[in-house]
């Protein structure tokens, strides 16, 4: 039995772990005018965030078509996969799951299970890592799915945005726009839990950081945690030192969020992805 794990480039997992566990990552697309870039391949994260305020047209994002997914599933089957688990960004935020499901139906070489992570960024990434580690241990598909269903109610992503501008431009997160309205002097605060994106209004950057720390305390004790950001690494390192006493032992990741998400939230985002040891509540 050989279960291979597939995900998309929004998972934000470090490259070293992707390689160690032989995870297949399907890049999503970033479109700027007539030019399309494969996320993580044809434009670096640093280059994207540097150019983001200067793009003449608002960048858009998209998943590749079902043929791309099907070709990857068939290649993995040819490499010896007996089953495939394809884990993707929340269906509330992207059509990726729907496209993967269509491809799975068209794939005859190997059984493919498509799984809605109900998360984004490292919320998805932590699920992918759990699945990959379990597959490496020889766990069955049902055992892996059970592990994921247990982890999802303990997984949280929350972040303070520096501006509302990019949410307005993208039109992708209309739930936030309708809630936050036309207020200008706010720091939008976005939360993702079990497939449900929500938002809060916060007035200042300092207040947003306090809210980040407050939520992180509520999530403890923590099983996994990472600091996530968009073009704000220095601030992310300061935040990490501020909350280090709340975190589990060992190295804590600081990860820059994929441009596929960054196109919608803009630069200056600062937040956490975490898995609590115990099931808490919606945020």
C-alpha atoms as a PDB file:
ATOM      1  CA  UNK A   1       0.000   0.000   0.000  1.00  0.00           C
ATOM      2  CA  UNK A   2       1.389   3.376  -1.031  1.00  0.00           C
ATOM      3  CA  UNK A   3      -0.717   6.457  -0.287  1.00  0.00           C
ATOM      4  CA  UNK A   4       0.577   9.652  -1.894  1.00  0.00           C
ATOM      5  CA  UNK A   5      -0.421  13.099  -0.664  1.00  0.00           C
ATOM      6  CA  UNK A   6      -1.258  15.921  -3.065  1.00  0.00           C
ATOM      7  CA  UNK A   7      -1.975  19.518  -2.121  1.00  0.00           C
ATOM      8  CA  UNK A   8      -1.858  22.988  -3.672  1.00  0.00           C
ATOM      9  CA  UNK A   9       0.547  25.876  -3.274  1.00  0.00           C
ATOM     10  CA  UNK A  10      -1.603  27.703  -0.728  1.00  0.00           C
ATOM     11  CA  UNK A  11      -0.543  25.213   1.965  1.00  0.00           C
ATOM     12  CA  UNK A  12       2.633  27.226   2.776  1.00  0.00           C
ATOM     13  CA  UNK A  13       4.565  24.200   4.026  1.00  0.00           C
ATOM     14  CA  UNK A  14       8.360  24.615   4.119  1.00  0.00           C
ATOM     15  CA  UNK A  15      10.076  23.124   1.080  1.00  0.00           C
ATOM     16  CA  UNK A  16      12.187  20.827   3.248  1.00  0.00           C
ATOM     17  CA  UNK A  17       9.089  19.050   4.603  1.00  0.00           C
ATOM     18  CA  UNK A  18       7.505  18.799   1.157  1.00  0.00           C
ATOM     19  CA  UNK A  19      10.633  17.048  -0.061  1.00  0.00           C
ATOM     20  CA  UNK A  20      11.064  14.856   3.035  1.00  0.00           C
ATOM     21  CA  UNK A  21       7.547  13.429   2.821  1.00  0.00           C
ATOM     22  CA  UNK A  22       7.375  13.343  -0.980  1.00  0.00           C
ATOM     23  CA  UNK A  23       4.319  15.615  -1.054  1.00  0.00           C
ATOM     24  CA  UNK A  24       3.117  16.709  -4.481  1.00  0.00           C
ATOM     25  CA  UNK A  25       2.223  20.415  -4.646  1.00  0.00           C
ATOM     26  CA  UNK A  26       0.084  21.712  -7.513  1.00  0.00           C
ATOM     27  CA  UNK A  27       0.810  25.407  -8.119  1.00  0.00           C
ATOM     28  CA  UNK A  28      -2.136  27.738  -8.438  1.00  0.00           C
ATOM     29  CA  UNK A  29      -1.999  30.717 -10.799  1.00  0.00           C
ATOM     30  CA  UNK A  30      -1.433  34.406 -10.174  1.00  0.00           C
ATOM     31  CA  UNK A  31      -2.698  36.514 -13.082  1.00  0.00           C
ATOM     32  CA  UNK A  32      -1.504  40.075 -13.699  1.00  0.00           C
ATOM     33  CA  UNK A  33      -3.119  41.486 -16.782  1.00  0.00           C
ATOM     34  CA  UNK A  34      -2.469  38.989 -19.572  1.00  0.00           C
ATOM     35  CA  UNK A  35       0.463  37.365 -17.768  1.00  0.00           C
ATOM     36  CA  UNK A  36      -0.079  34.192 -15.691  1.00  0.00           C
ATOM     37  CA  UNK A  37       2.470  32.953 -13.175  1.00  0.00           C
ATOM     38  CA  UNK A  38       2.574  29.566 -11.481  1.00  0.00           C
ATOM     39  CA  UNK A  39       2.713  30.179  -7.754  1.00  0.00           C
ATOM     40  CA  UNK A  40       6.143  29.452  -6.317  1.00  0.00           C
ATOM     41  CA  UNK A  41       7.670  28.622  -9.700  1.00  0.00           C
ATOM     42  CA  UNK A  42       7.648  31.619 -12.025  1.00  0.00           C
ATOM     43  CA  UNK A  43       7.597  34.417  -9.449  1.00  0.00           C
ATOM     44  CA  UNK A  44       9.184  34.419  -6.003  1.00  0.00           C
ATOM     45  CA  UNK A  45       7.238  35.565  -2.977  1.00  0.00           C
ATOM     46  CA  UNK A  46       9.672  38.432  -2.383  1.00  0.00           C
ATOM     47  CA  UNK A  47       9.282  39.631  -5.981  1.00  0.00           C
ATOM     48  CA  UNK A  48       5.489  39.404  -5.840  1.00  0.00           C
ATOM     49  CA  UNK A  49       5.115  41.452  -2.664  1.00  0.00           C
ATOM     50  CA  UNK A  50       7.600  44.029  -3.917  1.00  0.00           C
ATOM     51  CA  UNK A  51       5.608  44.466  -7.127  1.00  0.00           C
ATOM     52  CA  UNK A  52       2.106  44.132  -5.656  1.00  0.00           C
ATOM     53  CA  UNK A  53       1.446  47.859  -5.064  1.00  0.00           C
ATOM     54  CA  UNK A  54       2.737  48.645  -8.566  1.00  0.00           C
ATOM     55  CA  UNK A  55       0.679  46.247 -10.700  1.00  0.00           C
ATOM     56  CA  UNK A  56      -1.392  48.225 -13.210  1.00  0.00           C
ATOM     57  CA  UNK A  57      -4.260  45.749 -12.892  1.00  0.00           C
ATOM     58  CA  UNK A  58      -5.376  43.989  -9.728  1.00  0.00           C
ATOM     59  CA  UNK A  59      -3.839  40.499  -9.595  1.00  0.00           C
ATOM     60  CA  UNK A  60      -6.316  37.650  -9.743  1.00  0.00           C
ATOM     61  CA  UNK A  61      -5.826  34.010  -8.800  1.00  0.00           C
ATOM     62  CA  UNK A  62      -7.072  30.717 -10.164  1.00  0.00           C
ATOM     63  CA  UNK A  63      -6.636  26.978  -9.914  1.00  0.00           C
ATOM     64  CA  UNK A  64      -5.465  25.017 -12.960  1.00  0.00           C
ATOM     65  CA  UNK A  65      -8.032  22.975 -14.856  1.00  0.00           C
ATOM     66  CA  UNK A  66      -9.004  19.377 -14.024  1.00  0.00           C
ATOM     67  CA  UNK A  67      -6.659  18.023 -16.702  1.00  0.00           C
ATOM     68  CA  UNK A  68      -3.647  19.230 -14.707  1.00  0.00           C
ATOM     69  CA  UNK A  69      -4.882  17.462 -11.579  1.00  0.00           C
ATOM     70  CA  UNK A  70      -5.734  14.291 -13.526  1.00  0.00           C
ATOM     71  CA  UNK A  71      -2.310  14.167 -15.168  1.00  0.00           C
ATOM     72  CA  UNK A  72      -0.640  14.458 -11.770  1.00  0.00           C
ATOM     73  CA  UNK A  73      -2.836  11.724 -10.290  1.00  0.00           C
ATOM     74  CA  UNK A  74      -2.005   9.432 -13.205  1.00  0.00           C
ATOM     75  CA  UNK A  75       1.720  10.169 -12.914  1.00  0.00           C
ATOM     76  CA  UNK A  76       1.663   9.243  -9.225  1.00  0.00           C
ATOM     77  CA  UNK A  77      -0.162   6.025 -10.093  1.00  0.00           C
ATOM     78  CA  UNK A  78       2.581   5.231 -12.630  1.00  0.00           C
ATOM     79  CA  UNK A  79       5.133   5.822  -9.867  1.00  0.00           C
ATOM     80  CA  UNK A  80       3.444   3.193  -7.714  1.00  0.00           C
ATOM     81  CA  UNK A  81       0.764   5.005  -5.729  1.00  0.00           C
ATOM     82  CA  UNK A  82      -2.095   2.683  -4.791  1.00  0.00           C
ATOM     83  CA  UNK A  83      -4.230   5.535  -3.399  1.00  0.00           C
ATOM     84  CA  UNK A  84      -4.068   9.344  -3.484  1.00  0.00           C
ATOM     85  CA  UNK A  85      -5.290  11.824  -0.897  1.00  0.00           C
ATOM     86  CA  UNK A  86      -5.673  15.308  -2.393  1.00  0.00           C
ATOM     87  CA  UNK A  87      -6.004  18.013   0.312  1.00  0.00           C
ATOM     88  CA  UNK A  88      -6.838  21.571  -0.688  1.00  0.00           C
ATOM     89  CA  UNK A  89      -7.679  25.091   0.471  1.00  0.00           C
ATOM     90  CA  UNK A  90     -11.207  25.583   1.825  1.00  0.00           C
ATOM     91  CA  UNK A  91     -14.006  25.363  -0.701  1.00  0.00           C
ATOM     92  CA  UNK A  92     -15.361  28.592   0.848  1.00  0.00           C
ATOM     93  CA  UNK A  93     -12.340  30.445  -0.526  1.00  0.00           C
ATOM     94  CA  UNK A  94     -11.451  28.679  -3.779  1.00  0.00           C
ATOM     95  CA  UNK A  95     -12.753  26.383  -6.499  1.00  0.00           C
ATOM     96  CA  UNK A  96      -9.699  24.132  -6.120  1.00  0.00           C
ATOM     97  CA  UNK A  97     -11.555  21.351  -4.273  1.00  0.00           C
ATOM     98  CA  UNK A  98     -14.314  21.292  -6.903  1.00  0.00           C
ATOM     99  CA  UNK A  99     -11.783  21.064  -9.731  1.00  0.00           C
ATOM    100  CA  UNK A 100      -9.863  18.310  -7.941  1.00  0.00           C
ATOM    101  CA  UNK A 101     -13.099  16.363  -7.431  1.00  0.00           C
ATOM    102  CA  UNK A 102     -13.843  16.550 -11.152  1.00  0.00           C
ATOM    103  CA  UNK A 103     -10.349  15.300 -11.932  1.00  0.00           C
ATOM    104  CA  UNK A 104     -10.690  12.485  -9.395  1.00  0.00           C
ATOM    105  CA  UNK A 105     -13.853  11.261 -11.120  1.00  0.00           C
ATOM    106  CA  UNK A 106     -12.006  11.191 -14.447  1.00  0.00           C
ATOM    107  CA  UNK A 107      -8.999   9.310 -13.032  1.00  0.00           C
ATOM    108  CA  UNK A 108      -9.172   5.545 -13.540  1.00  0.00           C
ATOM    109  CA  UNK A 109      -5.571   4.573 -12.825  1.00  0.00           C
ATOM    110  CA  UNK A 110      -5.807   5.005  -9.039  1.00  0.00           C
ATOM    111  CA  UNK A 111      -8.474   5.795  -6.406  1.00  0.00           C
ATOM    112  CA  UNK A 112      -8.341   9.504  -5.468  1.00  0.00           C
ATOM    113  CA  UNK A 113      -9.899  10.939  -2.310  1.00  0.00           C
ATOM    114  CA  UNK A 114     -10.335  14.728  -2.380  1.00  0.00           C
ATOM    115  CA  UNK A 115     -10.431  16.428   1.025  1.00  0.00           C
ATOM    116  CA  UNK A 116     -11.580  19.958   1.823  1.00  0.00           C
ATOM    117  CA  UNK A 117      -9.134  21.198   4.480  1.00  0.00           C
ATOM    118  CA  UNK A 118     -11.659  23.836   5.593  1.00  0.00           C
ATOM    119  CA  UNK A 119      -8.605  26.005   6.124  1.00  0.00           C
ATOM    120  CA  UNK A 120      -6.020  28.122   4.330  1.00  0.00           C
ATOM    121  CA  UNK A 121      -2.269  28.708   4.465  1.00  0.00           C
ATOM    122  CA  UNK A 122      -0.613  26.627   7.200  1.00  0.00           C
ATOM    123  CA  UNK A 123      -4.010  25.638   8.563  1.00  0.00           C
ATOM    124  CA  UNK A 124      -4.129  23.476   5.440  1.00  0.00           C
ATOM    125  CA  UNK A 125      -0.391  22.844   5.659  1.00  0.00           C
ATOM    126  CA  UNK A 126      -0.609  21.319   9.125  1.00  0.00           C
ATOM    127  CA  UNK A 127      -3.272  18.915   7.828  1.00  0.00           C
ATOM    128  CA  UNK A 128      -1.118  17.979   4.838  1.00  0.00           C
ATOM    129  CA  UNK A 129       1.819  17.315   7.151  1.00  0.00           C
ATOM    130  CA  UNK A 130      -0.298  15.118   9.434  1.00  0.00           C
ATOM    131  CA  UNK A 131      -1.531  13.129   6.437  1.00  0.00           C
ATOM    132  CA  UNK A 132       1.953  12.753   4.958  1.00  0.00           C
ATOM    133  CA  UNK A 133       3.459  11.586   8.240  1.00  0.00           C
ATOM    134  CA  UNK A 134       0.635   9.073   8.727  1.00  0.00           C
ATOM    135  CA  UNK A 135       1.042   7.785   5.168  1.00  0.00           C
ATOM    136  CA  UNK A 136       4.779   7.349   5.783  1.00  0.00           C
ATOM    137  CA  UNK A 137       3.896   5.240   8.834  1.00  0.00           C
ATOM    138  CA  UNK A 138       1.740   2.971   6.684  1.00  0.00           C
ATOM    139  CA  UNK A 139      -1.630   4.144   7.995  1.00  0.00           C
ATOM    140  CA  UNK A 140      -4.721   3.367   5.917  1.00  0.00           C
ATOM    141  CA  UNK A 141      -6.746   6.009   4.092  1.00  0.00           C
ATOM    142  CA  UNK A 142      -9.533   5.752   6.669  1.00  0.00           C
ATOM    143  CA  UNK A 143      -7.077   6.174   9.527  1.00  0.00           C
ATOM    144  CA  UNK A 144      -5.592   9.259   7.882  1.00  0.00           C
ATOM    145  CA  UNK A 145      -9.022  10.792   7.281  1.00  0.00           C
ATOM    146  CA  UNK A 146      -9.932  10.166  10.922  1.00  0.00           C
ATOM    147  CA  UNK A 147      -6.776  11.980  12.031  1.00  0.00           C
ATOM    148  CA  UNK A 148      -7.686  14.951   9.843  1.00  0.00           C
ATOM    149  CA  UNK A 149     -11.272  15.101  11.099  1.00  0.00           C
ATOM    150  CA  UNK A 150      -9.908  15.155  14.649  1.00  0.00           C
ATOM    151  CA  UNK A 151      -7.424  17.914  13.832  1.00  0.00           C
ATOM    152  CA  UNK A 152      -9.749  20.287  11.986  1.00  0.00           C
ATOM    153  CA  UNK A 153     -11.791  21.369  15.060  1.00  0.00           C
ATOM    154  CA  UNK A 154      -8.494  22.167  16.793  1.00  0.00           C
ATOM    155  CA  UNK A 155      -7.022  24.218  13.941  1.00  0.00           C
ATOM    156  CA  UNK A 156      -7.152  28.010  13.768  1.00  0.00           C
ATOM    157  CA  UNK A 157      -5.737  30.699  11.506  1.00  0.00           C
ATOM    158  CA  UNK A 158      -6.102  34.352  12.439  1.00  0.00           C
ATOM    159  CA  UNK A 159      -4.310  37.414  11.144  1.00  0.00           C
ATOM    160  CA  UNK A 160      -4.330  41.198  11.229  1.00  0.00           C
ATOM    161  CA  UNK A 161      -4.316  42.896   7.835  1.00  0.00           C
ATOM    162  CA  UNK A 162      -2.619  46.227   7.340  1.00  0.00           C
ATOM    163  CA  UNK A 163      -5.213  47.580   4.929  1.00  0.00           C
ATOM    164  CA  UNK A 164      -8.682  46.912   3.534  1.00  0.00           C
ATOM    165  CA  UNK A 165      -7.602  47.983   0.049  1.00  0.00           C
ATOM    166  CA  UNK A 166      -6.642  44.587  -1.368  1.00  0.00           C
ATOM    167  CA  UNK A 167      -9.783  42.875  -0.064  1.00  0.00           C
ATOM    168  CA  UNK A 168     -11.802  45.513  -1.910  1.00  0.00           C
ATOM    169  CA  UNK A 169      -9.824  45.076  -5.094  1.00  0.00           C
ATOM    170  CA  UNK A 170     -10.034  41.300  -5.179  1.00  0.00           C
ATOM    171  CA  UNK A 171     -13.735  40.968  -4.420  1.00  0.00           C
ATOM    172  CA  UNK A 172     -12.925  37.413  -3.307  1.00  0.00           C
ATOM    173  CA  UNK A 173     -13.735  37.858   0.375  1.00  0.00           C
ATOM    174  CA  UNK A 174     -17.094  39.579   0.144  1.00  0.00           C
ATOM    175  CA  UNK A 175     -18.084  38.313   3.610  1.00  0.00           C
ATOM    176  CA  UNK A 176     -15.400  40.588   5.063  1.00  0.00           C
ATOM    177  CA  UNK A 177     -16.251  43.576   2.917  1.00  0.00           C
ATOM    178  CA  UNK A 178     -19.919  43.383   3.855  1.00  0.00           C
ATOM    179  CA  UNK A 179     -19.011  43.201   7.531  1.00  0.00           C
ATOM    180  CA  UNK A 180     -16.258  45.788   7.573  1.00  0.00           C
ATOM    181  CA  UNK A 181     -18.132  48.172   5.334  1.00  0.00           C
ATOM    182  CA  UNK A 182     -16.535  51.408   4.185  1.00  0.00           C
ATOM    183  CA  UNK A 183     -14.535  52.191   7.309  1.00  0.00           C
ATOM    184  CA  UNK A 184     -11.099  53.461   6.358  1.00  0.00           C
ATOM    185  CA  UNK A 185      -9.151  53.754   9.593  1.00  0.00           C
ATOM    186  CA  UNK A 186      -9.269  50.127  10.638  1.00  0.00           C
ATOM    187  CA  UNK A 187      -7.022  47.079  10.605  1.00  0.00           C
ATOM    188  CA  UNK A 188      -9.169  44.223   9.278  1.00  0.00           C
ATOM    189  CA  UNK A 189      -8.781  41.118  11.437  1.00  0.00           C
ATOM    190  CA  UNK A 190      -9.488  37.874   9.595  1.00  0.00           C
ATOM    191  CA  UNK A 191     -10.177  34.465  11.157  1.00  0.00           C
ATOM    192  CA  UNK A 192     -10.629  30.989   9.719  1.00  0.00           C
ATOM    193  CA  UNK A 193     -12.065  28.056  11.630  1.00  0.00           C
ATOM    194  CA  UNK A 194     -13.591  24.808  10.326  1.00  0.00           C
ATOM    195  CA  UNK A 195     -14.409  26.251   6.916  1.00  0.00           C
ATOM    196  CA  UNK A 196     -15.950  29.456   8.264  1.00  0.00           C
ATOM    197  CA  UNK A 197     -14.148  32.733   7.484  1.00  0.00           C
ATOM    198  CA  UNK A 198     -15.049  35.658   9.744  1.00  0.00           C
ATOM    199  CA  UNK A 199     -13.776  39.176  10.394  1.00  0.00           C
ATOM    200  CA  UNK A 200     -13.403  41.757  13.150  1.00  0.00           C
ATOM    201  CA  UNK A 201     -12.876  45.522  13.124  1.00  0.00           C
ATOM    202  CA  UNK A 202      -9.780  46.732  14.945  1.00  0.00           C
ATOM    203  CA  UNK A 203      -8.665  50.359  14.997  1.00  0.00           C
ATOM    204  CA  UNK A 204      -4.885  50.332  15.305  1.00  0.00           C
ATOM    205  CA  UNK A 205      -1.899  48.129  14.569  1.00  0.00           C
ATOM    206  CA  UNK A 206      -1.047  47.888  18.290  1.00  0.00           C
ATOM    207  CA  UNK A 207      -4.597  46.808  19.102  1.00  0.00           C
ATOM    208  CA  UNK A 208      -4.410  44.201  16.332  1.00  0.00           C
ATOM    209  CA  UNK A 209      -1.229  42.716  17.815  1.00  0.00           C
ATOM    210  CA  UNK A 210      -2.874  42.593  21.254  1.00  0.00           C
ATOM    211  CA  UNK A 211      -5.812  40.733  19.724  1.00  0.00           C
ATOM    212  CA  UNK A 212      -3.430  38.238  18.091  1.00  0.00           C
ATOM    213  CA  UNK A 213      -1.785  37.525  21.429  1.00  0.00           C
ATOM    214  CA  UNK A 214      -5.148  37.297  23.199  1.00  0.00           C
ATOM    215  CA  UNK A 215      -6.456  34.667  20.776  1.00  0.00           C
ATOM    216  CA  UNK A 216      -3.218  32.715  20.922  1.00  0.00           C
ATOM    217  CA  UNK A 217      -3.507  32.522  24.721  1.00  0.00           C
ATOM    218  CA  UNK A 218      -7.063  31.231  24.390  1.00  0.00           C
ATOM    219  CA  UNK A 219      -5.906  28.438  22.059  1.00  0.00           C
ATOM    220  CA  UNK A 220      -3.324  27.025  24.497  1.00  0.00           C
ATOM    221  CA  UNK A 221      -1.895  24.614  25.217  1.00  0.00           C
ATOM    222  CA  UNK A 222      -0.715  24.328  21.634  1.00  0.00           C
ATOM    223  CA  UNK A 223       0.319  21.280  19.647  1.00  0.00           C
ATOM    224  CA  UNK A 224       1.591  23.156  16.589  1.00  0.00           C
ATOM    225  CA  UNK A 225       1.985  26.836  15.797  1.00  0.00           C
ATOM    226  CA  UNK A 226       3.590  29.065  13.189  1.00  0.00           C
ATOM    227  CA  UNK A 227       3.799  32.800  12.621  1.00  0.00           C
ATOM    228  CA  UNK A 228       2.545  33.790   9.167  1.00  0.00           C
ATOM    229  CA  UNK A 229       3.021  37.093   7.389  1.00  0.00           C
ATOM    230  CA  UNK A 230       3.108  38.904   4.055  1.00  0.00           C
ATOM    231  CA  UNK A 231       6.275  40.949   3.500  1.00  0.00           C
ATOM    232  CA  UNK A 232       6.532  41.602   7.247  1.00  0.00           C
ATOM    233  CA  UNK A 233       9.279  39.266   8.443  1.00  0.00           C
ATOM    234  CA  UNK A 234      10.845  41.734  10.887  1.00  0.00           C
ATOM    235  CA  UNK A 235       7.510  42.306  12.628  1.00  0.00           C
ATOM    236  CA  UNK A 236       6.876  38.546  12.601  1.00  0.00           C
ATOM    237  CA  UNK A 237      10.149  37.925  14.447  1.00  0.00           C
ATOM    238  CA  UNK A 238       9.301  40.557  17.038  1.00  0.00           C
ATOM    239  CA  UNK A 239       5.873  38.979  17.545  1.00  0.00           C
ATOM    240  CA  UNK A 240       7.439  35.551  17.942  1.00  0.00           C
ATOM    241  CA  UNK A 241       9.668  36.802  20.751  1.00  0.00           C
ATOM    242  CA  UNK A 242       6.671  38.459  22.402  1.00  0.00           C
ATOM    243  CA  UNK A 243       4.669  35.209  22.577  1.00  0.00           C
ATOM    244  CA  UNK A 244       7.496  32.674  22.925  1.00  0.00           C
ATOM    245  CA  UNK A 245       6.390  31.772  26.463  1.00  0.00           C
ATOM    246  CA  UNK A 246       3.013  30.634  25.090  1.00  0.00           C
ATOM    247  CA  UNK A 247       4.464  28.275  22.496  1.00  0.00           C
ATOM    248  CA  UNK A 248       5.580  24.639  22.548  1.00  0.00           C
ATOM    249  CA  UNK A 249       9.272  23.830  22.788  1.00  0.00           C
ATOM    250  CA  UNK A 250      11.349  23.610  19.648  1.00  0.00           C
ATOM    251  CA  UNK A 251      11.701  25.681  16.506  1.00  0.00           C
ATOM    252  CA  UNK A 252       8.687  27.738  15.488  1.00  0.00           C
ATOM    253  CA  UNK A 253       8.198  28.436  11.811  1.00  0.00           C
ATOM    254  CA  UNK A 254       7.932  31.935  10.424  1.00  0.00           C
ATOM    255  CA  UNK A 255       6.370  31.546   6.990  1.00  0.00           C
ATOM    256  CA  UNK A 256       5.532  34.098   4.330  1.00  0.00           C
ATOM    257  CA  UNK A 257       2.019  33.534   3.004  1.00  0.00           C
ATOM    258  CA  UNK A 258       1.714  32.458  -0.617  1.00  0.00           C
ATOM    259  CA  UNK A 259       1.037  35.225  -3.177  1.00  0.00           C
ATOM    260  CA  UNK A 260      -2.169  33.401  -4.141  1.00  0.00           C
ATOM    261  CA  UNK A 261      -3.552  34.501  -0.766  1.00  0.00           C
ATOM    262  CA  UNK A 262      -1.423  37.647  -0.571  1.00  0.00           C
ATOM    263  CA  UNK A 263      -3.059  39.020  -3.713  1.00  0.00           C
ATOM    264  CA  UNK A 264      -6.300  39.261  -1.734  1.00  0.00           C
ATOM    265  CA  UNK A 265      -4.983  40.454   1.639  1.00  0.00           C
ATOM    266  CA  UNK A 266      -2.017  42.606   0.646  1.00  0.00           C
ATOM    267  CA  UNK A 267       1.373  43.191   2.301  1.00  0.00           C
ATOM    268  CA  UNK A 268       1.818  43.774   6.028  1.00  0.00           C
ATOM    269  CA  UNK A 269      -0.317  40.852   7.227  1.00  0.00           C
ATOM    270  CA  UNK A 270       0.710  39.318  10.552  1.00  0.00           C
ATOM    271  CA  UNK A 271      -0.882  36.303  12.212  1.00  0.00           C
ATOM    272  CA  UNK A 272      -0.792  32.741  13.486  1.00  0.00           C
ATOM    273  CA  UNK A 273      -1.704  29.276  12.292  1.00  0.00           C
ATOM    274  CA  UNK A 274      -2.057  26.873  15.198  1.00  0.00           C
ATOM    275  CA  UNK A 275      -3.376  23.510  16.314  1.00  0.00           C
ATOM    276  CA  UNK A 276      -4.617  23.352  19.893  1.00  0.00           C
ATOM    277  CA  UNK A 277      -4.067  20.251  22.000  1.00  0.00           C
ATOM    278  CA  UNK A 278      -7.750  20.369  22.923  1.00  0.00           C
ATOM    279  CA  UNK A 279     -10.883  21.239  21.018  1.00  0.00           C
ATOM    280  CA  UNK A 280     -11.804  24.797  21.942  1.00  0.00           C
ATOM    281  CA  UNK A 281     -14.481  26.765  20.185  1.00  0.00           C
ATOM    282  CA  UNK A 282     -15.194  28.774  17.088  1.00  0.00           C
ATOM    283  CA  UNK A 283     -13.358  32.110  16.928  1.00  0.00           C
END
